[in-house]
């Protein structure tokens, strides 16, 4: 992080320094969790859903913090105020500090900021792009899925004056959210992966999701580049919403036009890894066999390739780096081969109807000649479409001839009900109340040679069940 003084932070945020704060005090990092505070940190006392950050200011100073960004004064046990900048809204103030950090980084040297949004695939694309850019120059990318009003500033604070590329993942649960984040970091390149039904309950409709995702390309300057998925009609239409140049990507064999990044001859290896010929508008590229699992990742690979190309990396180098690149974050089609012959695919970091269908198709493709299990939990934030979308997943599982379907938790019961209506019989589909019941069933019935997929929204917890099942036999070897 670049150094900022307490006085500068107060000026940027419109806040006031408490009497105990030294205006010359400089901070070397920012934390919103008192357990992650380092020496010379600024602790942001943000209001939380379950706890108020002001409660933890004392712990933060005990851990080495030198300044708090807070909405009210807090004193230590002896009655002395903790050094702080007092603001009306700690989160907005944190964003203002991040915006100032970006401004200073740009003023000091060459910096390219790449924003990535979409209903699915943001983290995978971010990881792929980071791998490509890091091979050429210092690159900062989000930890895990830091993509909101807290995660984006924390990502910015990881950058310093040596940073050449800053990758920002942008999520949203409403119109205006991405606009806010884009104004904060002022991206040079904006990547839109797709518009799906994730968060449809919060947005009200898929069309509203498209409005929100398009805020990223609307924020680009004329000198910037909008990287758009030409295979998604709603994303492709965003070319009319930006003043920037457009670089589209596609795996559609029937789509041909200039300025297109293409995946020609798309296929999968025997192990389920996407393979294709990557082609750029200038004729460069190369053959790519990804370390990821499932053909649905071709779009993420193309998006990362196009963004790197827009950032100035040669097409041949991009293809060479993407070739064999494994997942960079956990629980994204994470494959484990247990020593007893059971294969576990843990893709339960997140889920929406589109990613659920893609994961089931991959399970079916990889499971030819094997007994396949789909252990599925609830997809959250679908609003009024929740029952309908879960119903569709159950029917698709049957049509793909998945051997065993386990629906976990009341929110996923419609998956099981639909599978039965679609023609599942006997114990092909079962419903269990919770993770413990699912674990008991799997422990008793999994056999050598079985292939089992775990898929759900994050808070449903199936990723943790997947971890336990992956390690429950003799020690297994994790693979990508």
Protein backbone atom coordinates (compact mmCIF):
# COMPACT_ATOMS: atom_id res chain seq x y z
CA UNK A 1 0.00 0.00 0.00
CA UNK A 2 1.15 3.56 -0.61
CA UNK A 3 1.64 5.54 2.58
CA UNK A 4 -1.06 8.00 3.59
CA UNK A 5 -1.05 10.20 6.66
CA UNK A 6 -3.91 10.66 9.09
CA UNK A 7 -4.17 14.28 7.97
CA UNK A 8 -4.43 13.23 4.30
CA UNK A 9 -7.08 10.64 5.09
CA UNK A 10 -9.13 13.23 6.97
CA UNK A 11 -8.88 15.61 4.00
CA UNK A 12 -9.87 12.94 1.45
CA UNK A 13 -12.84 11.70 3.46
CA UNK A 14 -14.05 15.03 4.81
CA UNK A 15 -13.58 13.62 8.29
CA UNK A 16 -12.14 15.13 11.45
CA UNK A 17 -9.21 13.92 13.50
CA UNK A 18 -9.80 13.10 17.15
CA UNK A 19 -7.67 15.01 19.62
CA UNK A 20 -5.49 11.96 20.28
CA UNK A 21 -4.62 11.48 16.59
CA UNK A 22 -1.26 12.68 15.29
CA UNK A 23 -1.85 14.25 11.85
CA UNK A 24 1.57 12.99 10.69
CA UNK A 25 0.85 9.34 11.55
CA UNK A 26 1.17 7.21 8.42
CA UNK A 27 -0.63 3.95 7.73
CA UNK A 28 0.88 1.00 5.90
CA UNK A 29 -2.22 -1.16 5.46
CA UNK A 30 -6.00 -1.20 5.94
CA UNK A 31 -8.13 -3.83 7.63
CA UNK A 32 -11.85 -4.25 8.31
CA UNK A 33 -11.34 -7.32 10.52
CA UNK A 34 -9.49 -6.81 13.81
CA UNK A 35 -8.04 -10.33 13.46
CA UNK A 36 -6.26 -9.26 10.27
CA UNK A 37 -4.70 -6.06 11.58
CA UNK A 38 -0.96 -5.62 11.02
CA UNK A 39 1.45 -3.07 12.46
CA UNK A 40 0.78 0.53 11.33
CA UNK A 41 -2.67 -0.40 10.00
CA UNK A 42 -5.79 1.69 9.76
CA UNK A 43 -8.80 -0.18 11.10
CA UNK A 44 -12.12 0.59 9.39
CA UNK A 45 -14.91 0.31 11.95
CA UNK A 46 -17.60 -0.57 9.47
CA UNK A 47 -21.13 -1.45 10.58
CA UNK A 48 -21.84 -5.14 10.03
CA UNK A 49 -24.87 -7.35 9.69
CA UNK A 50 -24.09 -9.16 12.93
CA UNK A 51 -21.53 -6.94 14.68
CA UNK A 52 -20.50 -3.29 14.90
CA UNK A 53 -16.87 -2.69 13.98
CA UNK A 54 -16.60 -0.01 16.66
CA UNK A 55 -16.76 -2.81 19.23
CA UNK A 56 -13.44 -4.14 17.95
CA UNK A 57 -11.44 -0.90 17.78
CA UNK A 58 -9.64 -1.77 21.03
CA UNK A 59 -8.62 -5.18 19.71
CA UNK A 60 -7.39 -3.58 16.50
CA UNK A 61 -5.09 -1.19 18.39
CA UNK A 62 -3.85 -4.05 20.57
CA UNK A 63 -2.90 -5.84 17.33
CA UNK A 64 -0.91 -2.88 16.00
CA UNK A 65 -3.36 -0.43 14.44
CA UNK A 66 -2.36 3.24 14.64
CA UNK A 67 -5.56 4.84 13.34
CA UNK A 68 -9.25 4.07 13.09
CA UNK A 69 -11.68 5.19 10.41
CA UNK A 70 -14.87 5.39 12.43
CA UNK A 71 -18.33 6.92 12.67
CA UNK A 72 -18.06 7.82 16.35
CA UNK A 73 -15.38 8.27 18.95
CA UNK A 74 -14.35 5.26 21.03
CA UNK A 75 -12.19 5.37 24.17
CA UNK A 76 -9.88 2.83 25.75
CA UNK A 77 -10.58 1.41 29.26
CA UNK A 78 -8.82 4.38 30.85
CA UNK A 79 -11.05 6.86 29.00
CA UNK A 80 -8.51 8.02 26.41
CA UNK A 81 -9.89 8.32 22.87
CA UNK A 82 -8.39 6.04 20.28
CA UNK A 83 -6.72 7.99 17.42
CA UNK A 84 -9.29 8.16 14.65
CA UNK A 85 -10.71 9.96 11.66
CA UNK A 86 -14.41 10.42 12.35
CA UNK A 87 -16.68 10.30 9.29
CA UNK A 88 -20.40 10.00 8.61
CA UNK A 89 -20.12 6.69 6.72
CA UNK A 90 -17.05 4.49 7.23
CA UNK A 91 -17.60 2.39 4.08
CA UNK A 92 -18.00 5.41 1.82
CA UNK A 93 -14.96 6.98 3.44
CA UNK A 94 -12.99 3.80 2.82
CA UNK A 95 -13.98 4.01 -0.85
CA UNK A 96 -12.83 7.64 -0.99
CA UNK A 97 -9.42 6.63 0.37
CA UNK A 98 -9.19 3.89 -2.26
CA UNK A 99 -10.06 6.36 -5.02
CA UNK A 100 -7.30 8.68 -3.81
CA UNK A 101 -4.85 5.76 -3.77
CA UNK A 102 -5.68 4.96 -7.40
CA UNK A 103 -5.29 8.63 -8.36
CA UNK A 104 -1.83 8.76 -6.81
CA UNK A 105 -0.76 5.47 -8.39
CA UNK A 106 -1.74 6.77 -11.82
CA UNK A 107 0.04 10.07 -11.24
CA UNK A 108 3.24 8.30 -10.23
CA UNK A 109 3.59 5.96 -13.20
CA UNK A 110 1.98 3.64 -15.72
CA UNK A 111 -0.98 1.74 -14.29
CA UNK A 112 -3.65 -0.25 -16.10
CA UNK A 113 -6.84 -1.03 -14.17
CA UNK A 114 -8.99 -3.91 -15.41
CA UNK A 115 -12.52 -4.35 -14.08
CA UNK A 116 -14.31 -7.70 -14.40
CA UNK A 117 -18.02 -8.33 -13.89
CA UNK A 118 -20.61 -10.93 -14.86
CA UNK A 119 -23.16 -13.24 -13.31
CA UNK A 120 -20.68 -16.13 -13.15
CA UNK A 121 -16.99 -16.77 -13.71
CA UNK A 122 -15.57 -13.52 -12.30
CA UNK A 123 -13.13 -15.12 -9.89
CA UNK A 124 -11.93 -17.76 -12.34
CA UNK A 125 -11.38 -15.12 -15.03
CA UNK A 126 -9.60 -12.89 -12.52
CA UNK A 127 -7.26 -15.73 -11.56
CA UNK A 128 -6.49 -16.57 -15.20
CA UNK A 129 -5.85 -12.95 -16.11
CA UNK A 130 -3.64 -12.45 -13.07
CA UNK A 131 -1.50 -15.41 -14.10
CA UNK A 132 -0.99 -13.95 -17.58
CA UNK A 133 -0.25 -10.40 -16.47
CA UNK A 134 1.95 -11.44 -13.53
CA UNK A 135 4.28 -13.16 -15.97
CA UNK A 136 5.06 -9.75 -17.47
CA UNK A 137 4.87 -7.15 -14.70
CA UNK A 138 3.85 -6.65 -11.03
CA UNK A 139 0.14 -7.37 -10.79
CA UNK A 140 -2.38 -7.02 -7.97
CA UNK A 141 -5.61 -9.04 -8.03
CA UNK A 142 -8.35 -9.64 -5.44
CA UNK A 143 -8.00 -12.24 -2.75
CA UNK A 144 -10.69 -14.88 -3.23
CA UNK A 145 -13.86 -13.09 -4.30
CA UNK A 146 -13.27 -9.59 -2.97
CA UNK A 147 -15.66 -7.78 -5.28
CA UNK A 148 -17.90 -5.36 -3.36
CA UNK A 149 -17.77 -2.08 -1.51
CA UNK A 150 -15.36 -3.62 1.02
CA UNK A 151 -13.41 -6.02 -1.19
CA UNK A 152 -12.61 -3.54 -3.97
CA UNK A 153 -10.94 -0.97 -1.68
CA UNK A 154 -9.02 -3.74 0.10
CA UNK A 155 -7.72 -4.88 -3.29
CA UNK A 156 -6.68 -1.34 -4.18
CA UNK A 157 -4.78 -1.03 -0.90
CA UNK A 158 -2.60 -4.00 -1.91
CA UNK A 159 -1.14 -1.98 -4.80
CA UNK A 160 1.98 0.16 -4.50
CA UNK A 161 4.08 2.28 -6.83
CA UNK A 162 5.59 -0.83 -8.44
CA UNK A 163 2.19 -2.15 -9.52
CA UNK A 164 1.69 -2.20 -13.30
CA UNK A 165 -1.65 -4.02 -13.51
CA UNK A 166 -4.52 -3.76 -11.04
CA UNK A 167 -7.34 -6.28 -11.50
CA UNK A 168 -10.66 -5.46 -9.87
CA UNK A 169 -13.52 -7.95 -9.57
CA UNK A 170 -16.89 -6.21 -9.43
CA UNK A 171 -20.04 -7.76 -8.01
CA UNK A 172 -23.43 -6.17 -7.53
CA UNK A 173 -26.73 -6.83 -5.85
CA UNK A 174 -28.48 -3.79 -7.27
CA UNK A 175 -28.40 -1.11 -9.94
CA UNK A 176 -25.79 1.54 -9.19
CA UNK A 177 -23.37 -0.72 -7.31
CA UNK A 178 -20.95 -1.26 -10.20
CA UNK A 179 -21.21 2.41 -11.13
CA UNK A 180 -20.00 3.26 -7.61
CA UNK A 181 -17.08 0.81 -7.83
CA UNK A 182 -16.12 1.97 -11.32
CA UNK A 183 -16.02 5.61 -10.23
CA UNK A 184 -13.71 4.52 -7.42
CA UNK A 185 -11.09 2.76 -9.58
CA UNK A 186 -11.68 4.30 -13.06
CA UNK A 187 -10.95 1.13 -15.09
CA UNK A 188 -9.07 1.29 -18.39
CA UNK A 189 -10.43 -2.09 -19.48
CA UNK A 190 -13.87 -3.41 -18.59
CA UNK A 191 -14.72 -7.11 -19.00
CA UNK A 192 -18.33 -8.34 -19.00
CA UNK A 193 -18.63 -12.13 -18.93
CA UNK A 194 -22.34 -12.77 -19.04
CA UNK A 195 -25.78 -11.83 -17.79
CA UNK A 196 -27.52 -14.66 -15.98
CA UNK A 197 -30.24 -15.09 -13.40
CA UNK A 198 -27.98 -14.96 -10.33
CA UNK A 199 -29.37 -12.33 -7.92
CA UNK A 200 -32.56 -12.06 -9.98
CA UNK A 201 -34.51 -11.84 -6.75
CA UNK A 202 -32.62 -8.72 -5.70
CA UNK A 203 -32.58 -7.04 -9.11
CA UNK A 204 -36.17 -7.87 -10.04
CA UNK A 205 -35.37 -9.16 -13.53
CA UNK A 206 -32.57 -10.32 -15.82
CA UNK A 207 -32.94 -7.12 -17.80
CA UNK A 208 -32.12 -5.15 -14.65
CA UNK A 209 -29.05 -7.32 -14.16
CA UNK A 210 -27.95 -6.35 -17.67
CA UNK A 211 -28.43 -2.69 -16.80
CA UNK A 212 -26.23 -3.12 -13.71
CA UNK A 213 -23.44 -5.09 -15.43
CA UNK A 214 -23.33 -2.57 -18.25
CA UNK A 215 -22.45 0.18 -15.79
CA UNK A 216 -18.87 -1.04 -16.08
CA UNK A 217 -18.54 -0.28 -19.79
CA UNK A 218 -20.42 3.00 -19.38
CA UNK A 219 -17.66 4.12 -17.02
CA UNK A 220 -14.87 3.59 -19.56
CA UNK A 221 -13.20 6.54 -21.27
CA UNK A 222 -12.93 6.70 -25.05
CA UNK A 223 -9.31 5.50 -24.80
CA UNK A 224 -10.39 2.39 -22.90
CA UNK A 225 -11.48 -1.04 -24.08
CA UNK A 226 -14.73 -2.89 -23.40
CA UNK A 227 -14.15 -6.67 -23.53
CA UNK A 228 -17.55 -8.22 -24.29
CA UNK A 229 -18.90 -11.75 -24.61
CA UNK A 230 -20.27 -11.94 -28.15
CA UNK A 231 -22.02 -15.22 -27.31
CA UNK A 232 -24.34 -13.48 -24.82
CA UNK A 233 -26.84 -11.22 -26.58
CA UNK A 234 -27.34 -8.96 -23.57
CA UNK A 235 -23.60 -8.47 -23.18
CA UNK A 236 -23.01 -7.97 -26.89
CA UNK A 237 -25.62 -5.20 -26.89
CA UNK A 238 -23.51 -3.27 -24.39
CA UNK A 239 -21.30 -2.10 -27.23
CA UNK A 240 -23.85 0.67 -27.71
CA UNK A 241 -23.48 1.78 -24.09
CA UNK A 242 -19.79 2.66 -24.13
CA UNK A 243 -17.56 5.32 -25.62
CA UNK A 244 -14.61 2.92 -25.46
CA UNK A 245 -13.33 0.63 -28.15
CA UNK A 246 -14.79 -2.90 -28.16
CA UNK A 247 -12.92 -6.21 -28.21
CA UNK A 248 -15.35 -9.13 -28.35
CA UNK A 249 -14.71 -12.82 -27.70
CA UNK A 250 -16.59 -15.90 -28.89
CA UNK A 251 -16.47 -19.67 -29.26
CA UNK A 252 -19.31 -19.71 -31.80
CA UNK A 253 -17.97 -21.32 -35.01
CA UNK A 254 -20.48 -19.36 -37.09
CA UNK A 255 -19.41 -15.98 -35.76
CA UNK A 256 -16.72 -14.23 -37.78
CA UNK A 257 -15.81 -10.56 -37.86
CA UNK A 258 -12.77 -8.38 -37.37
CA UNK A 259 -11.67 -7.51 -33.87
CA UNK A 260 -12.78 -10.87 -32.42
CA UNK A 261 -10.89 -13.13 -30.03
CA UNK A 262 -11.92 -16.68 -30.96
CA UNK A 263 -11.79 -20.20 -29.58
CA UNK A 264 -11.58 -22.29 -32.72
CA UNK A 265 -12.12 -26.07 -32.71
CA UNK A 266 -13.31 -26.17 -29.07
CA UNK A 267 -13.17 -29.59 -27.46
CA UNK A 268 -12.38 -31.30 -24.16
CA UNK A 269 -9.60 -33.71 -23.29
CA UNK A 270 -10.31 -37.18 -21.93
CA UNK A 271 -9.96 -35.70 -18.44
CA UNK A 272 -12.52 -32.97 -19.12
CA UNK A 273 -10.09 -30.10 -19.69
CA UNK A 274 -11.16 -27.50 -22.29
CA UNK A 275 -9.01 -27.46 -25.42
CA UNK A 276 -9.14 -25.04 -28.35
CA UNK A 277 -7.12 -22.95 -30.78
CA UNK A 278 -6.91 -19.42 -29.40
CA UNK A 279 -6.90 -16.79 -32.17
CA UNK A 280 -6.45 -13.02 -31.88
CA UNK A 281 -7.34 -10.32 -34.42
CA UNK A 282 -3.70 -9.88 -35.44
CA UNK A 283 -3.30 -13.55 -36.33
CA UNK A 284 -1.35 -14.55 -33.20
CA UNK A 285 -2.44 -17.17 -30.68
CA UNK A 286 -1.84 -20.85 -30.07
CA UNK A 287 -3.32 -24.12 -28.90
CA UNK A 288 -4.61 -24.12 -25.33
CA UNK A 289 -5.41 -27.11 -23.14
CA UNK A 290 -6.64 -25.65 -19.89
CA UNK A 291 -6.06 -27.00 -16.41
CA UNK A 292 -9.68 -26.15 -15.59
CA UNK A 293 -12.54 -28.63 -15.81
CA UNK A 294 -15.54 -28.25 -18.11
CA UNK A 295 -16.25 -26.66 -21.48
CA UNK A 296 -18.09 -23.79 -19.76
CA UNK A 297 -14.68 -22.41 -18.80
CA UNK A 298 -13.86 -21.63 -22.43
CA UNK A 299 -15.70 -18.34 -22.05
CA UNK A 300 -13.65 -17.45 -18.96
CA UNK A 301 -10.43 -18.36 -20.75
CA UNK A 302 -11.38 -16.21 -23.74
CA UNK A 303 -12.30 -13.28 -21.51
CA UNK A 304 -8.95 -13.45 -19.72
CA UNK A 305 -7.14 -13.78 -23.04
CA UNK A 306 -8.95 -10.79 -24.53
CA UNK A 307 -8.33 -8.63 -21.46
CA UNK A 308 -4.62 -9.47 -21.46
CA UNK A 309 -4.44 -8.70 -25.18
CA UNK A 310 -6.19 -5.37 -24.59
CA UNK A 311 -3.61 -4.65 -21.88
CA UNK A 312 -0.82 -5.06 -24.41
CA UNK A 313 0.30 -8.66 -23.96
CA UNK A 314 1.11 -10.48 -27.20
CA UNK A 315 -1.30 -13.19 -28.31
CA UNK A 316 1.35 -15.91 -28.46
CA UNK A 317 2.43 -15.17 -24.90
CA UNK A 318 -1.18 -15.14 -23.71
CA UNK A 319 -1.85 -18.58 -25.21
CA UNK A 320 1.35 -20.03 -23.78
CA UNK A 321 0.53 -18.84 -20.25
CA UNK A 322 -3.09 -20.00 -20.33
CA UNK A 323 -2.04 -23.44 -21.57
CA UNK A 324 -2.22 -25.78 -18.57
CA UNK A 325 -3.22 -23.01 -16.15
CA UNK A 326 -4.95 -24.54 -13.12
CA UNK A 327 -7.60 -22.93 -10.88
CA UNK A 328 -6.27 -20.15 -8.70
CA UNK A 329 -9.05 -20.18 -6.09
CA UNK A 330 -10.64 -22.97 -4.12
CA UNK A 331 -13.96 -24.75 -4.73
CA UNK A 332 -14.11 -24.01 -8.47
CA UNK A 333 -14.43 -27.43 -10.11
CA UNK A 334 -11.74 -28.57 -7.68
CA UNK A 335 -10.96 -32.22 -8.39
CA UNK A 336 -9.64 -34.70 -5.84
CA UNK A 337 -8.78 -38.32 -6.57
CA UNK A 338 -9.22 -40.29 -3.37
CA UNK A 339 -6.90 -43.21 -2.82
CA UNK A 340 -9.89 -45.58 -2.77
CA UNK A 341 -10.86 -44.65 -6.35
CA UNK A 342 -13.60 -42.12 -5.65
CA UNK A 343 -13.31 -38.84 -7.58
CA UNK A 344 -14.66 -35.68 -5.92
CA UNK A 345 -15.40 -32.47 -7.84
CA UNK A 346 -16.05 -29.61 -5.44
CA UNK A 347 -17.67 -26.68 -7.25
CA UNK A 348 -19.67 -25.40 -4.30
CA UNK A 349 -18.24 -21.93 -3.85
CA UNK A 350 -21.23 -20.44 -5.64
CA UNK A 351 -24.16 -21.46 -7.81
CA UNK A 352 -26.77 -20.06 -10.16
CA UNK A 353 -28.92 -21.79 -12.78
CA UNK A 354 -26.34 -21.32 -15.54
CA UNK A 355 -23.36 -22.59 -13.57
CA UNK A 356 -25.43 -25.46 -12.13
CA UNK A 357 -26.32 -26.68 -15.62
CA UNK A 358 -22.70 -26.34 -16.76
CA UNK A 359 -21.42 -28.34 -13.78
CA UNK A 360 -23.98 -31.10 -14.36
CA UNK A 361 -23.01 -31.34 -18.03
CA UNK A 362 -19.37 -31.67 -17.03
CA UNK A 363 -20.28 -34.38 -14.52
CA UNK A 364 -22.12 -36.30 -17.23
CA UNK A 365 -19.25 -35.97 -19.71
CA UNK A 366 -16.58 -37.04 -17.22
CA UNK A 367 -18.74 -39.80 -15.81
CA UNK A 368 -19.19 -41.93 -18.90
CA UNK A 369 -18.77 -45.52 -17.76
CA UNK A 370 -18.84 -44.53 -14.07
CA UNK A 371 -21.51 -44.07 -11.43
CA UNK A 372 -22.12 -40.34 -11.04
CA UNK A 373 -23.40 -38.45 -8.01
CA UNK A 374 -24.75 -34.90 -7.99
CA UNK A 375 -24.92 -33.54 -4.43
CA UNK A 376 -26.79 -30.27 -4.84
CA UNK A 377 -27.78 -27.53 -2.44
CA UNK A 378 -29.82 -24.38 -2.69
CA UNK A 379 -29.15 -21.61 -5.21
CA UNK A 380 -29.79 -18.38 -3.35
CA UNK A 381 -31.04 -14.94 -4.40
CA UNK A 382 -33.36 -16.18 -7.17
CA UNK A 383 -36.44 -14.44 -5.81
CA UNK A 384 -39.79 -15.53 -7.22
CA UNK A 385 -38.05 -17.79 -9.74
CA UNK A 386 -36.42 -19.94 -7.05
CA UNK A 387 -38.79 -22.94 -7.17
CA UNK A 388 -38.94 -22.90 -10.97
CA UNK A 389 -35.16 -22.75 -11.33
CA UNK A 390 -34.53 -25.52 -8.79
CA UNK A 391 -37.21 -27.61 -10.53
CA UNK A 392 -35.35 -27.18 -13.83
CA UNK A 393 -32.09 -28.39 -12.27
CA UNK A 394 -33.71 -31.61 -11.06
CA UNK A 395 -35.12 -32.33 -14.50
CA UNK A 396 -31.79 -31.64 -16.21
CA UNK A 397 -30.00 -34.04 -13.85
CA UNK A 398 -32.38 -36.82 -14.89
CA UNK A 399 -32.08 -36.01 -18.61
CA UNK A 400 -28.29 -36.15 -18.30
CA UNK A 401 -28.61 -39.64 -16.77
CA UNK A 402 -26.86 -38.71 -13.54
CA UNK A 403 -26.85 -41.95 -11.54
CA UNK A 404 -27.59 -40.54 -8.08
CA UNK A 405 -28.99 -37.17 -7.09
CA UNK A 406 -28.83 -35.92 -3.50
CA UNK A 407 -30.72 -32.68 -2.75
CA UNK A 408 -29.55 -31.16 0.53
CA UNK A 409 -31.64 -28.77 2.63
CA UNK A 410 -35.18 -27.46 2.38
CA UNK A 411 -34.23 -24.83 -0.20
CA UNK A 412 -33.15 -27.57 -2.60
CA UNK A 413 -36.15 -29.86 -2.14
CA UNK A 414 -37.65 -28.74 -5.45
CA UNK A 415 -34.64 -30.34 -7.18
CA UNK A 416 -35.57 -33.74 -5.78
CA UNK A 417 -39.29 -33.31 -6.41
CA UNK A 418 -38.68 -32.41 -10.05
CA UNK A 419 -36.33 -35.36 -10.55
CA UNK A 420 -39.04 -37.73 -9.32
CA UNK A 421 -41.60 -36.14 -11.63
CA UNK A 422 -39.16 -36.36 -14.53
CA UNK A 423 -38.82 -40.10 -14.09
CA UNK A 424 -36.26 -40.76 -11.38
CA UNK A 425 -37.19 -43.92 -9.51
CA UNK A 426 -36.13 -45.90 -6.47
CA UNK A 427 -33.15 -44.31 -4.74
CA UNK A 428 -31.82 -42.51 -7.81
CA UNK A 429 -32.87 -39.23 -6.23
CA UNK A 430 -33.07 -38.57 -2.51
CA UNK A 431 -33.74 -35.56 -0.33
CA UNK A 432 -31.89 -35.08 2.97
CA UNK A 433 -32.48 -32.39 5.55
CA UNK A 434 -28.94 -31.25 6.18
CA UNK A 435 -25.20 -31.69 5.62
CA UNK A 436 -24.85 -34.31 8.35
CA UNK A 437 -27.48 -36.52 6.73
CA UNK A 438 -25.83 -36.09 3.34
CA UNK A 439 -22.44 -37.00 4.77
CA UNK A 440 -23.86 -40.10 6.44
CA UNK A 441 -25.45 -41.22 3.16
CA UNK A 442 -22.33 -40.63 1.08
CA UNK A 443 -20.00 -42.25 3.58
CA UNK A 444 -22.15 -45.37 3.56
CA UNK A 445 -22.81 -45.64 -0.18
CA UNK A 446 -19.88 -44.22 -2.17
CA UNK A 447 -17.91 -46.94 -3.91
CA UNK A 448 -14.55 -47.07 -5.73
CA UNK A 449 -14.90 -45.60 -9.21
CA UNK A 450 -17.74 -43.23 -8.28
CA UNK A 451 -17.60 -39.60 -9.45
CA UNK A 452 -19.31 -37.12 -7.11
CA UNK A 453 -20.05 -33.43 -7.72
CA UNK A 454 -20.84 -30.91 -4.95
CA UNK A 455 -22.60 -27.75 -6.07
CA UNK A 456 -24.51 -25.04 -4.19
CA UNK A 457 -24.44 -21.40 -3.24
CA UNK A 458 -21.70 -20.55 -0.77
CA UNK A 459 -23.77 -20.20 2.38
CA UNK A 460 -25.41 -23.60 1.83
CA UNK A 461 -22.09 -25.06 3.00
CA UNK A 462 -21.68 -27.91 0.53
CA UNK A 463 -18.09 -26.86 -0.20
CA UNK A 464 -17.19 -27.89 3.36
CA UNK A 465 -19.03 -31.20 3.00
CA UNK A 466 -17.14 -31.73 -0.25
CA UNK A 467 -13.86 -31.18 1.60
CA UNK A 468 -14.80 -33.74 4.24
CA UNK A 469 -15.85 -36.33 1.67
CA UNK A 470 -12.69 -35.71 -0.36
CA UNK A 471 -10.53 -36.50 2.67
CA UNK A 472 -12.71 -39.13 4.37
CA UNK A 473 -11.14 -42.18 2.76
CA UNK A 474 -7.45 -42.92 2.74
CA UNK A 475 -5.36 -39.88 2.04
CA UNK A 476 -6.17 -38.59 -1.48
CA UNK A 477 -4.20 -36.47 -3.88
CA UNK A 478 -5.69 -33.11 -4.94
CA UNK A 479 -5.57 -32.30 -8.63
CA UNK A 480 -6.70 -29.53 -10.93
